[in-house]
Amino acid sequence: MTYWWSRRPLAWLVALCLLLFLPGFFSLPVIDRDEGRFAQATKQMVESGDYLDIRYRDVPRYKKPIGAYWFQSASVSIFGGAEAPIWAYRIPSLLAAIAAVLLTFLTIRTLIDPRTGFVGAVLLALTLVLAGEARIAKTDAIQLALITAMLWVVGALFAARQLAAPNADSAARRDARLPWVFWLSLGGGILVKGPIAPLVVGLGIATLVAVERDARWLRPLAHPLAIVAGCAVFLPWLTYIIFKSEGEFLAASVGEDLFAKVASGQEGHGAPPGTHLVLLLLTFWPASALLVARLGDLPQVCTRSWARFALAWALPTWLVFELAPTKLLHYLLPVFPAIAILTAGLWLRPARPTRAVFRIAAALVLMLGPALLGALIGFMVLDTSAVPFPGLVAFVVAETFALAAAWSIWRDARSTVVWQLVLLALATYAGLFSVAAQYPRLWPSNQLIANLEAAQARAEVCREPLLLNVGYDEPSLVWLSRGDTRRAEAEEAARVLRDEPCAVAVIEKRSRDRFVKELNRLGIATRLIAAPVEGFAIGAGKTVMVEMHVRQGVSANTATLSYTP
């Protein structure tokens, strides 16, 4: 059977991804904390011309390898260099998210058939976490694309063994690209996020070999030149940075970052086992509704080769992340393509009618996205009294298609519900990210910089002041500020303010009493350059109230900066 999308499936998938990922892409401010840190380190890399070392402010940043910084540096060099807007730093994530969707289509097409491949790729594109990662300048979307490339290679070889597609065996054996794609992607994955790509791929392959009791189908990967090429992607830089940092890179990236997350809940993100399973309803939304609806059919399809492949690829990594104390929404993203295989295969395969309990559960899951959008609109109206009418329209449209999709699931209308999910996701994300971008409470750093620039226009503050961040040191503020910034204790900030007329103290309310006490002891007076800023620090996960102090009686016309950190 010929479908309307079958002549140009990749082009249609790219168009869908752009519709899903672009709302808010250009308008969202810098998102704390990872995006701010990556963007600032990349900006310093471009400014300094040193593309081998990673520095955030004046200290090394060795928690992640350099791959994402190189991709971002290439992008910002095209769009204005160090002064490029934040969306230029996000371009690699956008392109990588699209690539992951296309590679998922190729994988499922090989394992099952083109129709299931197209639906599975659409479902992956719709997921909430991927929609978020495509808009954030960090590692996870890039890593997903590289892992999905390896998934495609292993899937092609597995399909060849299972003869799941016509002439798959001979086609896979003739395809000289497969080992090169695999090993170059693995090398790239190590260069982007260290051991995560080898962990996901290694566990997936080991489980497949154990389940199938056969490893001969992996022989095409034993390609010496491809293996050398893969090692050449990451070994030169890794060797350089280990010697340059005198082992500090390994201590920071493996000891302080990886092992710390395995040992305990890092940065307040600890959660018990089973958390990812519950969160999947939201992170894989709205495709999670189809997975829930067909969950009762899972035992019946486990004997099929594509289901064994998807489960073997997803479950071991899932188990590792469930057992690790540190849990974040995006941690399961590397196995989302495998979950998309399972979801599309379950939904489109002939089966008995969906049981009522699963249909009701799926309908409730569909309401999660509109509920999230409605809650955000409600908070904005309560805080600002401003009604985001485009967001309200998006909310009504999203609710309409959520109800329509629930009805289609109830009637087992398998093709219809997929396109209703597409419209549901389009409306939800257009509303969610546009409202978020307009909600000032979510972006206290932007409000602080706006106040600072207004004071500079009135000649009350130096053009490039020293910002002393006390209790509020979010990376977004560092990236947005044009002068020097440094973290300081309250007492230190008061002393520097006494000695440096070109300094501005950024004081969070929890540190204000100590700051004022030290000011009184020193006998100096300060003034606020604007009203305190109230907001929600996304990176810290808490509400903040921030004041900006300058020394009383200092004019920007006479003040000069002489302080050296």
Protein backbone atom coordinates (compact mmCIF):
# COMPACT_ATOMS: atom_id res chain seq x y z
CA MET A 1 0.00 0.00 0.00
CA THR A 2 1.29 3.47 -0.92
CA TYR A 3 0.94 6.27 1.64
CA TRP A 4 0.94 10.02 0.96
CA TRP A 5 4.28 10.43 2.77
CA SER A 6 6.02 7.42 1.21
CA ARG A 7 7.70 9.26 -1.70
CA ARG A 8 9.60 11.67 0.57
CA PRO A 9 9.35 10.36 4.15
CA LEU A 10 12.55 12.05 5.34
CA ALA A 11 11.45 15.44 4.02
CA TRP A 12 8.08 15.13 5.76
CA LEU A 13 9.78 14.18 9.02
CA VAL A 14 12.14 17.18 8.79
CA ALA A 15 9.16 19.48 8.19
CA LEU A 16 7.33 18.01 11.20
CA CYS A 17 10.41 18.42 13.41
CA LEU A 18 10.77 22.07 12.46
CA LEU A 19 7.12 22.72 13.27
CA LEU A 20 7.56 21.04 16.65
CA PHE A 21 10.97 22.40 17.65
CA LEU A 22 11.02 25.99 16.40
CA PRO A 23 8.31 27.60 18.61
CA GLY A 24 10.28 29.30 21.37
CA PHE A 25 13.62 28.32 19.84
CA PHE A 26 14.59 31.93 19.13
CA SER A 27 12.68 33.63 21.94
CA LEU A 28 13.49 31.51 25.01
CA PRO A 29 16.13 33.21 27.19
CA VAL A 30 19.22 31.37 28.40
CA ILE A 31 18.06 28.36 30.43
CA ASP A 32 19.86 27.58 33.69
CA ARG A 33 21.97 25.86 34.53
CA ASP A 34 23.49 23.59 31.91
CA GLU A 35 22.71 25.75 28.88
CA GLY A 36 24.17 28.83 30.55
CA ARG A 37 27.35 26.97 31.45
CA PHE A 38 27.79 25.44 28.00
CA ALA A 39 27.06 28.74 26.25
CA GLN A 40 29.42 30.72 28.47
CA ALA A 41 32.25 28.20 28.10
CA THR A 42 31.74 28.15 24.33
CA LYS A 43 31.70 31.95 24.21
CA GLN A 44 35.02 32.06 26.07
CA MET A 45 36.41 29.42 23.71
CA VAL A 46 35.52 31.55 20.68
CA GLU A 47 36.83 34.74 22.31
CA SER A 48 40.15 33.19 23.33
CA GLY A 49 40.69 31.11 20.20
CA ASP A 50 41.64 28.13 22.42
CA TYR A 51 39.52 25.26 21.11
CA LEU A 52 41.24 22.55 23.16
CA ASP A 53 40.70 23.67 26.74
CA ILE A 54 37.29 24.22 28.37
CA ARG A 55 36.93 27.10 30.81
CA TYR A 56 33.98 28.65 32.60
CA ARG A 57 34.94 32.07 33.85
CA ASP A 58 38.55 31.63 34.94
CA VAL A 59 38.41 27.98 36.02
CA PRO A 60 38.53 24.74 34.01
CA ARG A 61 35.20 23.04 33.24
CA TYR A 62 35.94 19.35 32.91
CA LYS A 63 32.63 17.68 33.76
CA LYS A 64 31.98 16.83 30.09
CA PRO A 65 34.33 16.31 27.11
CA ILE A 66 34.72 18.91 24.41
CA GLY A 67 32.49 17.61 21.60
CA ALA A 68 29.41 19.76 22.25
CA TYR A 69 31.58 22.86 22.64
CA TRP A 70 33.11 22.26 19.21
CA PHE A 71 29.68 21.91 17.61
CA GLN A 72 28.48 25.08 19.32
CA SER A 73 31.66 26.98 18.42
CA ALA A 74 31.18 26.10 14.76
CA SER A 75 27.59 27.32 14.90
CA VAL A 76 28.25 30.64 16.64
CA SER A 77 31.18 31.34 14.33
CA ILE A 78 28.65 31.38 11.48
CA PHE A 79 26.11 33.54 13.32
CA GLY A 80 28.22 36.36 14.73
CA GLY A 81 31.00 34.84 16.82
CA ALA A 82 31.16 35.49 20.56
CA GLU A 83 28.36 38.07 20.27
CA ALA A 84 25.96 35.59 18.64
CA PRO A 85 22.50 35.27 20.24
CA ILE A 86 21.69 32.25 22.37
CA TRP A 87 19.74 30.52 19.57
CA ALA A 88 22.99 30.18 17.60
CA TYR A 89 24.33 27.96 20.39
CA ARG A 90 21.19 25.81 20.10
CA ILE A 91 21.55 25.00 16.39
CA PRO A 92 23.58 21.78 16.99
CA SER A 93 20.89 20.49 19.37
CA LEU A 94 18.15 21.27 16.84
CA LEU A 95 19.96 19.51 13.98
CA ALA A 96 20.85 16.55 16.19
CA ALA A 97 17.24 16.11 17.34
CA ILE A 98 16.09 16.06 13.71
CA ALA A 99 18.84 13.56 12.83
CA ALA A 100 17.74 11.26 15.68
CA VAL A 101 14.18 11.25 14.32
CA LEU A 102 15.35 10.42 10.78
CA LEU A 103 17.65 7.64 12.02
CA THR A 104 14.80 6.18 14.06
CA PHE A 105 12.72 5.98 10.88
CA LEU A 106 15.56 4.17 9.08
CA THR A 107 16.00 1.75 11.98
CA ILE A 108 12.32 0.80 12.30
CA ARG A 109 11.91 0.59 8.52
CA THR A 110 14.69 -1.99 8.49
CA LEU A 111 13.38 -3.92 11.48
CA ILE A 112 9.66 -3.90 10.63
CA ASP A 113 8.34 -1.89 7.66
CA PRO A 114 8.22 1.72 6.34
CA ARG A 115 4.78 2.51 7.77
CA THR A 116 5.78 1.51 11.30
CA GLY A 117 9.07 3.33 10.81
CA PHE A 118 7.32 6.55 9.88
CA VAL A 119 4.90 6.33 12.81
CA GLY A 120 7.70 5.47 15.25
CA ALA A 121 9.79 8.43 14.06
CA VAL A 122 6.76 10.73 14.40
CA LEU A 123 6.16 9.49 17.95
CA LEU A 124 9.79 10.16 18.90
CA ALA A 125 9.60 13.67 17.44
CA LEU A 126 6.49 14.40 19.51
CA THR A 127 8.01 13.51 22.89
CA LEU A 128 8.22 16.27 25.48
CA VAL A 129 11.84 15.69 26.50
CA LEU A 130 13.11 15.72 22.92
CA ALA A 131 11.09 18.89 22.27
CA GLY A 132 12.91 20.45 25.21
CA GLU A 133 16.38 19.16 24.37
CA ALA A 134 16.10 20.43 20.78
CA ARG A 135 15.82 23.94 22.26
CA ILE A 136 18.72 23.71 24.75
CA ALA A 137 22.39 24.22 23.97
CA LYS A 138 23.95 21.21 25.69
CA THR A 139 24.98 17.61 25.05
CA ASP A 140 21.89 15.42 25.19
CA ALA A 141 20.32 15.88 21.76
CA ILE A 142 23.75 15.50 20.12
CA GLN A 143 24.42 12.34 22.10
CA LEU A 144 20.99 10.98 21.13
CA ALA A 145 21.73 11.42 17.42
CA LEU A 146 25.03 9.56 17.74
CA ILE A 147 23.50 6.72 19.79
CA THR A 148 20.61 6.43 17.32
CA ALA A 149 23.11 6.14 14.47
CA MET A 150 24.60 3.13 16.24
CA LEU A 151 21.09 1.79 16.87
CA TRP A 152 20.46 1.95 13.12
CA VAL A 153 23.65 -0.01 12.38
CA VAL A 154 22.98 -2.70 14.98
CA GLY A 155 19.34 -2.85 13.88
CA ALA A 156 20.37 -3.41 10.26
CA LEU A 157 22.70 -6.25 11.25
CA PHE A 158 20.08 -7.75 13.57
CA ALA A 159 17.44 -7.56 10.84
CA ALA A 160 19.84 -9.28 8.46
CA ARG A 161 20.18 -12.16 10.90
CA GLN A 162 16.44 -12.39 11.48
CA LEU A 163 15.57 -11.87 7.80
CA ALA A 164 12.96 -9.38 9.02
CA ALA A 165 13.13 -7.48 5.72
CA PRO A 166 13.41 -8.71 2.12
CA ASN A 167 17.04 -9.30 1.14
CA ALA A 168 18.12 -7.74 4.44
CA ASP A 169 20.95 -10.22 4.91
CA SER A 170 22.67 -9.59 1.62
CA ALA A 171 22.02 -5.84 1.78
CA ALA A 172 23.60 -5.56 5.23
CA ARG A 173 26.61 -7.59 4.19
CA ARG A 174 27.17 -5.38 1.15
CA ASP A 175 26.73 -2.12 3.03
CA ALA A 176 30.30 -1.00 3.73
CA ARG A 177 29.02 2.11 5.54
CA LEU A 178 27.77 0.28 8.62
CA PRO A 179 31.05 -0.29 10.52
CA TRP A 180 32.21 3.26 9.72
CA VAL A 181 28.95 4.79 10.94
CA PHE A 182 29.07 2.69 14.08
CA TRP A 183 32.62 3.39 15.17
CA LEU A 184 32.68 7.07 14.17
CA SER A 185 29.41 7.58 16.07
CA LEU A 186 30.81 5.77 19.09
CA GLY A 187 33.92 7.94 19.00
CA GLY A 188 31.75 11.03 18.67
CA GLY A 189 29.56 9.90 21.56
CA ILE A 190 32.61 9.55 23.81
CA LEU A 191 33.80 13.00 22.73
CA VAL A 192 30.39 14.51 23.57
CA LYS A 193 29.44 12.82 26.85
CA GLY A 194 32.11 10.36 27.83
CA PRO A 195 31.02 6.87 28.90
CA ILE A 196 27.26 7.19 28.34
CA ALA A 197 27.26 6.17 24.66
CA PRO A 198 29.48 3.09 25.25
CA LEU A 199 27.31 2.18 28.23
CA VAL A 200 24.02 2.33 26.31
CA VAL A 201 25.33 0.61 23.20
CA GLY A 202 27.42 -1.93 25.08
CA LEU A 203 24.55 -3.01 27.30
CA GLY A 204 22.20 -3.20 24.31
CA ILE A 205 24.54 -5.34 22.22
CA ALA A 206 25.50 -7.59 25.15
CA THR A 207 21.84 -8.23 25.94
CA LEU A 208 21.00 -8.98 22.31
CA VAL A 209 23.88 -11.44 22.08
CA ALA A 210 22.78 -13.13 25.31
CA VAL A 211 19.14 -13.34 24.24
CA GLU A 212 19.94 -14.60 20.73
CA ARG A 213 22.85 -16.78 21.91
CA ASP A 214 24.76 -15.74 18.85
CA ALA A 215 27.33 -13.01 18.17
CA ARG A 216 28.23 -13.91 14.58
CA TRP A 217 25.83 -11.33 13.14
CA LEU A 218 28.08 -8.61 14.59
CA ARG A 219 31.10 -9.67 12.51
CA PRO A 220 30.80 -6.73 10.04
CA LEU A 221 31.63 -4.38 12.93
CA ALA A 222 35.08 -5.99 13.28
CA HIS A 223 36.52 -3.57 10.74
CA PRO A 224 40.07 -2.53 11.81
CA LEU A 225 40.19 0.75 9.88
CA ALA A 226 36.75 1.82 11.12
CA ILE A 227 37.77 1.02 14.70
CA VAL A 228 40.95 3.09 14.33
CA ALA A 229 38.94 5.95 12.84
CA GLY A 230 36.52 5.84 15.77
CA CYS A 231 39.38 5.99 18.27
CA ALA A 232 40.93 8.86 16.32
CA VAL A 233 37.81 10.92 16.95
CA PHE A 234 38.34 11.18 20.71
CA LEU A 235 41.80 9.86 21.67
CA PRO A 236 43.93 12.84 20.49
CA TRP A 237 41.95 15.41 22.47
CA LEU A 238 41.51 13.07 25.45
CA THR A 239 45.27 12.43 25.60
CA TYR A 240 45.99 16.15 25.29
CA ILE A 241 43.59 17.23 28.04
CA ILE A 242 44.67 14.50 30.47
CA PHE A 243 48.29 15.63 30.24
CA LYS A 244 47.47 19.34 30.16
CA SER A 245 45.18 19.12 33.18
CA GLU A 246 47.54 16.73 34.97
CA GLY A 247 44.72 14.26 35.45
CA GLU A 248 42.20 16.87 36.63
CA PHE A 249 39.91 16.14 33.66
CA LEU A 250 39.49 12.48 34.64
CA ALA A 251 39.03 13.41 38.29
CA ALA A 252 36.32 15.94 37.45
CA SER A 253 34.48 14.10 34.67
CA VAL A 254 34.62 10.59 36.09
CA GLY A 255 35.11 11.11 39.81
CA GLU A 256 33.15 14.28 40.56
CA ASP A 257 30.46 13.97 37.86
CA LEU A 258 29.83 10.31 36.95
CA PHE A 259 30.65 8.54 40.22
CA ALA A 260 29.00 11.25 42.29
CA LYS A 261 25.72 10.66 40.44
CA VAL A 262 26.03 6.92 40.96
CA ALA A 263 26.87 7.26 44.65
CA SER A 264 24.21 9.79 45.68
CA GLY A 265 21.58 12.23 44.41
CA GLN A 266 23.73 14.99 42.95
CA GLU A 267 22.67 18.66 43.26
CA GLY A 268 19.41 17.75 44.95
CA HIS A 269 18.22 15.47 42.12
CA GLY A 270 18.03 12.23 44.09
CA ALA A 271 14.98 9.96 43.69
CA PRO A 272 14.12 6.31 44.42
CA PRO A 273 14.07 3.46 41.88
CA GLY A 274 10.93 3.48 39.77
CA THR A 275 10.96 7.24 39.31
CA HIS A 276 11.85 7.02 35.61
CA LEU A 277 8.99 4.57 35.04
CA VAL A 278 6.50 7.04 36.47
CA LEU A 279 8.11 10.01 34.74
CA LEU A 280 7.92 8.23 31.37
CA LEU A 281 4.24 9.16 31.22
CA LEU A 282 5.36 12.81 30.98
CA THR A 283 8.80 12.59 29.37
CA PHE A 284 7.56 10.36 26.51
CA TRP A 285 4.26 12.28 26.26
CA PRO A 286 2.07 12.18 24.15
CA ALA A 287 3.37 8.90 22.69
CA SER A 288 3.24 7.43 26.20
CA ALA A 289 -0.57 7.33 25.83
CA LEU A 290 -0.27 4.81 22.98
CA LEU A 291 2.22 2.76 24.97
CA VAL A 292 -0.15 2.68 27.93
CA ALA A 293 -3.10 1.80 25.70
CA ARG A 294 -1.32 -1.28 24.29
CA LEU A 295 0.57 -2.33 27.39
CA GLY A 296 -1.66 -5.37 27.80
CA ASP A 297 -0.47 -6.71 24.42
CA LEU A 298 3.22 -6.56 25.33
CA PRO A 299 3.52 -10.23 26.41
CA GLN A 300 2.05 -11.34 23.06
CA VAL A 301 4.69 -9.54 20.95
CA CYS A 302 7.78 -10.30 23.02
CA THR A 303 8.58 -13.26 20.78
CA ARG A 304 8.83 -11.07 17.68
CA SER A 305 12.31 -10.04 16.63
CA TRP A 306 11.66 -6.29 16.61
CA ALA A 307 10.21 -6.40 20.13
CA ARG A 308 13.17 -8.42 21.42
CA PHE A 309 15.50 -5.91 19.82
CA ALA A 310 13.74 -2.89 21.35
CA LEU A 311 13.47 -4.44 24.82
CA ALA A 312 17.08 -5.64 24.82
CA TRP A 313 18.25 -2.17 23.81
CA ALA A 314 16.10 -0.25 26.32
CA LEU A 315 15.76 -2.33 29.49
CA PRO A 316 19.42 -2.70 30.66
CA THR A 317 20.11 1.03 30.37
CA TRP A 318 16.76 1.81 31.98
CA LEU A 319 17.66 -0.46 34.91
CA VAL A 320 21.04 1.28 35.37
CA PHE A 321 19.43 4.72 35.45
CA GLU A 322 16.70 3.51 37.82
CA LEU A 323 19.31 2.19 40.27
CA ALA A 324 21.45 5.34 40.09
CA PRO A 325 20.31 7.79 42.81
CA THR A 326 20.57 10.90 40.62
CA LYS A 327 17.59 11.25 38.28
CA LEU A 328 16.72 13.95 35.77
CA LEU A 329 13.97 14.08 33.16
CA HIS A 330 16.31 13.61 30.19
CA TYR A 331 18.30 10.63 31.49
CA LEU A 332 16.22 8.04 29.60
CA LEU A 333 16.43 9.97 26.31
CA PRO A 334 19.13 7.64 24.85
CA VAL A 335 16.64 4.73 24.88
CA PHE A 336 13.66 6.71 23.57
CA PRO A 337 14.22 5.45 19.97
CA ALA A 338 13.94 1.87 21.26
CA ILE A 339 10.78 2.78 23.17
CA ALA A 340 9.44 4.36 19.95
CA ILE A 341 10.07 1.06 18.14
CA LEU A 342 8.10 -0.80 20.79
CA THR A 343 5.26 1.76 20.88
CA ALA A 344 4.81 1.95 17.11
CA GLY A 345 5.04 -1.81 16.76
CA LEU A 346 2.48 -2.42 19.48
CA TRP A 347 0.06 0.19 18.19
CA LEU A 348 0.07 -0.82 14.52
CA ARG A 349 0.20 -4.61 14.88
CA PRO A 350 -3.13 -6.48 14.67
CA ALA A 351 -4.31 -7.27 18.17
CA ARG A 352 -7.40 -7.74 20.24
CA PRO A 353 -9.37 -4.60 21.18
CA THR A 354 -7.72 -2.49 23.85
CA ARG A 355 -8.98 -3.24 27.34
CA ALA A 356 -11.09 -0.49 28.91
CA VAL A 357 -8.73 0.06 31.84
CA PHE A 358 -5.85 0.80 29.47
CA ARG A 359 -7.99 3.09 27.33
CA ILE A 360 -9.02 5.12 30.36
CA ALA A 361 -5.42 5.32 31.56
CA ALA A 362 -4.30 6.47 28.10
CA ALA A 363 -6.97 9.20 28.07
CA LEU A 364 -5.70 10.51 31.40
CA VAL A 365 -2.11 10.52 30.12
CA LEU A 366 -3.18 12.59 27.10
CA MET A 367 -4.32 15.37 29.45
CA LEU A 368 -0.85 15.84 30.98
CA GLY A 369 0.42 18.23 28.29
CA PRO A 370 -2.60 20.55 28.25
CA ALA A 371 -2.61 20.48 32.07
CA LEU A 372 1.03 21.61 32.10
CA LEU A 373 0.25 24.42 29.67
CA GLY A 374 -2.85 25.44 31.63
CA ALA A 375 -0.88 25.54 34.89
CA LEU A 376 1.80 27.76 33.34
CA ILE A 377 -0.85 30.16 31.99
CA GLY A 378 -2.53 30.25 35.39
CA PHE A 379 0.69 31.09 37.22
CA MET A 380 1.47 33.84 34.72
CA VAL A 381 -1.98 35.41 35.08
CA LEU A 382 -1.76 35.31 38.89
CA ASP A 383 1.73 36.82 38.93
CA THR A 384 1.47 39.47 36.24
CA SER A 385 -2.27 39.93 35.59
CA ALA A 386 -1.33 39.64 31.90
CA VAL A 387 -3.42 37.19 29.89
CA PRO A 388 -1.37 35.41 27.17
CA PHE A 389 -4.14 35.11 24.58
CA PRO A 390 -2.09 33.05 22.05
CA GLY A 391 -1.32 30.64 24.89
CA LEU A 392 -4.99 30.42 25.79
CA VAL A 393 -5.88 29.62 22.18
CA ALA A 394 -3.17 26.93 22.14
CA PHE A 395 -4.57 25.51 25.38
CA VAL A 396 -8.10 25.25 23.95
CA VAL A 397 -6.79 23.61 20.76
CA ALA A 398 -4.64 21.20 22.77
CA GLU A 399 -7.54 20.19 24.99
CA THR A 400 -9.71 19.63 21.91
CA PHE A 401 -7.20 17.31 20.26
CA ALA A 402 -6.47 15.53 23.55
CA LEU A 403 -10.16 14.65 23.80
CA ALA A 404 -10.27 13.67 20.12
CA ALA A 405 -7.22 11.43 20.55
CA ALA A 406 -8.76 9.84 23.64
CA TRP A 407 -11.89 9.05 21.62
CA SER A 408 -9.79 7.57 18.79
CA ILE A 409 -7.93 5.36 21.28
CA TRP A 410 -11.28 4.21 22.65
CA ARG A 411 -12.38 3.26 19.12
CA ASP A 412 -8.98 1.74 18.22
CA ALA A 413 -8.65 4.17 15.29
CA ARG A 414 -4.95 3.51 14.86
CA SER A 415 -4.02 5.82 12.01
CA THR A 416 -6.31 8.66 13.05
CA VAL A 417 -4.95 8.95 16.57
CA VAL A 418 -1.35 9.47 15.40
CA TRP A 419 -2.24 12.63 13.50
CA GLN A 420 -4.36 13.83 16.38
CA LEU A 421 -1.31 13.42 18.60
CA VAL A 422 0.69 15.49 16.11
CA LEU A 423 -1.83 18.34 16.32
CA LEU A 424 -2.02 17.96 20.11
CA ALA A 425 1.76 18.26 20.44
CA LEU A 426 1.99 21.17 17.99
CA ALA A 427 -0.60 23.17 19.94
CA THR A 428 0.86 22.25 23.34
CA TYR A 429 4.47 23.11 22.50
CA ALA A 430 3.59 26.29 20.64
CA GLY A 431 1.67 27.47 23.70
CA LEU A 432 4.03 26.10 26.34
CA PHE A 433 7.29 27.52 25.01
CA SER A 434 5.85 30.84 23.85
CA VAL A 435 4.18 31.46 27.22
CA ALA A 436 7.33 30.41 29.07
CA ALA A 437 9.40 32.85 27.02
CA GLN A 438 6.99 35.70 27.91
CA TYR A 439 6.75 34.87 31.63
CA PRO A 440 9.26 37.25 33.31
CA ARG A 441 9.23 35.40 36.63
CA LEU A 442 11.07 32.48 35.01
CA TRP A 443 13.95 34.69 33.87
CA PRO A 444 15.27 36.74 36.82
CA SER A 445 18.69 37.10 35.16
CA ASN A 446 17.12 38.88 32.20
CA GLN A 447 15.31 41.27 34.53
CA LEU A 448 18.54 41.99 36.42
CA ILE A 449 20.46 42.73 33.23
CA ALA A 450 17.62 44.95 31.97
CA ASN A 451 17.81 46.93 35.22
CA LEU A 452 21.58 47.15 34.94
CA GLU A 453 21.43 48.42 31.36
CA ALA A 454 18.82 51.02 32.34
CA ALA A 455 21.14 52.26 35.10
CA GLN A 456 24.02 52.39 32.64
CA ALA A 457 21.90 54.47 30.28
CA ARG A 458 21.35 56.91 33.17
CA ALA A 459 25.13 56.96 33.77
CA GLU A 460 24.65 55.52 37.26
CA VAL A 461 26.77 52.41 36.63
CA CYS A 462 29.98 51.77 34.67
CA ARG A 463 29.69 50.35 31.17
CA GLU A 464 31.51 47.14 32.16
CA PRO A 465 31.07 46.76 35.91
CA LEU A 466 32.33 44.01 38.15
CA LEU A 467 29.29 41.98 39.27
CA LEU A 468 29.67 40.40 42.69
CA ASN A 469 27.12 37.59 42.83
CA VAL A 470 26.12 36.75 46.40
CA GLY A 471 23.62 33.89 46.73
CA TYR A 472 22.51 34.26 43.10
CA ASP A 473 25.19 33.08 40.71
CA GLU A 474 23.21 31.51 37.88
CA PRO A 475 25.14 30.89 34.62
CA SER A 476 22.50 32.85 32.68
CA LEU A 477 23.58 35.99 34.52
CA VAL A 478 27.22 35.29 33.69
CA TRP A 479 26.42 34.79 30.00
CA LEU A 480 24.21 37.87 29.76
CA SER A 481 26.57 40.27 31.52
CA ARG A 482 29.20 42.08 29.46
CA GLY A 483 31.51 42.86 32.33
CA ASP A 484 33.32 40.63 34.78
CA THR A 485 31.33 38.49 37.21
CA ARG A 486 32.46 36.52 40.19
CA ARG A 487 30.87 34.59 43.01
CA ALA A 488 31.44 36.20 46.40
CA GLU A 489 30.47 35.85 50.02
CA ALA A 490 28.40 38.63 51.55
CA GLU A 491 31.27 40.05 53.61
CA GLU A 492 33.67 39.96 50.67
CA ALA A 493 31.16 41.77 48.44
CA ALA A 494 30.82 44.58 50.99
CA ARG A 495 34.60 45.02 51.17
CA VAL A 496 35.02 45.04 47.38
CA LEU A 497 32.17 47.54 47.08
CA ARG A 498 34.02 49.82 49.49
CA ASP A 499 37.21 49.70 47.44
CA GLU A 500 35.81 49.52 43.90
CA PRO A 501 33.43 52.26 42.74
CA CYS A 502 32.80 50.32 39.50
CA ALA A 503 31.45 47.25 41.31
CA VAL A 504 27.82 46.13 41.61
CA ALA A 505 26.74 43.72 44.32
CA VAL A 506 24.01 41.27 43.25
CA ILE A 507 22.51 40.14 46.56
CA GLU A 508 19.93 37.39 47.03
CA LYS A 509 17.63 38.02 50.00
CA ARG A 510 18.97 35.05 51.98
CA SER A 511 22.38 36.76 52.09
CA ARG A 512 21.16 40.33 52.56
CA ASP A 513 21.41 40.48 56.37
CA ARG A 514 25.08 39.44 56.37
CA PHE A 515 25.80 41.91 53.58
CA VAL A 516 24.14 44.82 55.41
CA LYS A 517 25.86 43.90 58.67
CA GLU A 518 29.26 44.06 57.00
CA LEU A 519 28.36 47.36 55.29
CA ASN A 520 27.48 48.85 58.68
CA ARG A 521 30.71 47.60 60.19
CA LEU A 522 32.70 49.19 57.37
CA GLY A 523 30.71 52.40 57.61
CA ILE A 524 29.70 52.64 53.94
CA ALA A 525 26.33 53.25 52.34
CA THR A 526 24.86 51.71 49.20
CA ARG A 527 21.83 52.35 47.03
CA LEU A 528 19.66 50.11 44.86
CA ILE A 529 19.84 50.73 41.13
CA ALA A 530 16.29 49.34 40.69
CA ALA A 531 13.52 47.60 42.59
CA PRO A 532 14.35 44.06 43.78
CA VAL A 533 13.72 41.35 41.22
CA GLU A 534 11.50 38.45 42.25
CA GLY A 535 11.46 35.26 40.24
CA PHE A 536 12.03 31.53 40.06
CA ALA A 537 15.58 30.32 39.50
CA ILE A 538 15.06 27.28 37.26
CA GLY A 539 18.54 25.91 37.84
CA ALA A 540 18.32 26.19 41.62
CA GLY A 541 14.66 25.14 41.69
CA LYS A 542 13.69 27.87 44.14
CA THR A 543 12.16 31.32 44.31
CA VAL A 544 14.58 34.22 44.65
CA MET A 545 14.51 37.93 45.41
CA VAL A 546 17.60 39.73 44.16
CA GLU A 547 18.82 43.29 44.78
CA MET A 548 21.56 45.17 42.92
CA HIS A 549 23.63 47.54 45.11
CA VAL A 550 26.19 50.20 44.17
CA ARG A 551 28.15 52.42 46.52
CA GLN A 552 26.37 55.60 47.48
CA GLY A 553 27.59 58.79 45.80
CA VAL A 554 29.56 57.16 42.94
CA SER A 555 28.96 58.27 39.35
CA ALA A 556 29.72 56.18 36.32
CA ASN A 557 31.48 59.19 34.80
CA THR A 558 34.21 59.06 37.44
CA ALA A 559 34.28 55.39 38.45
CA THR A 560 36.90 53.10 36.96
CA LEU A 561 37.52 49.44 37.52
CA SER A 562 40.87 48.49 39.02
CA TYR A 563 40.00 45.33 40.90
CA THR A 564 41.62 42.09 39.69
CA PRO A 565 40.05 38.85 41.01
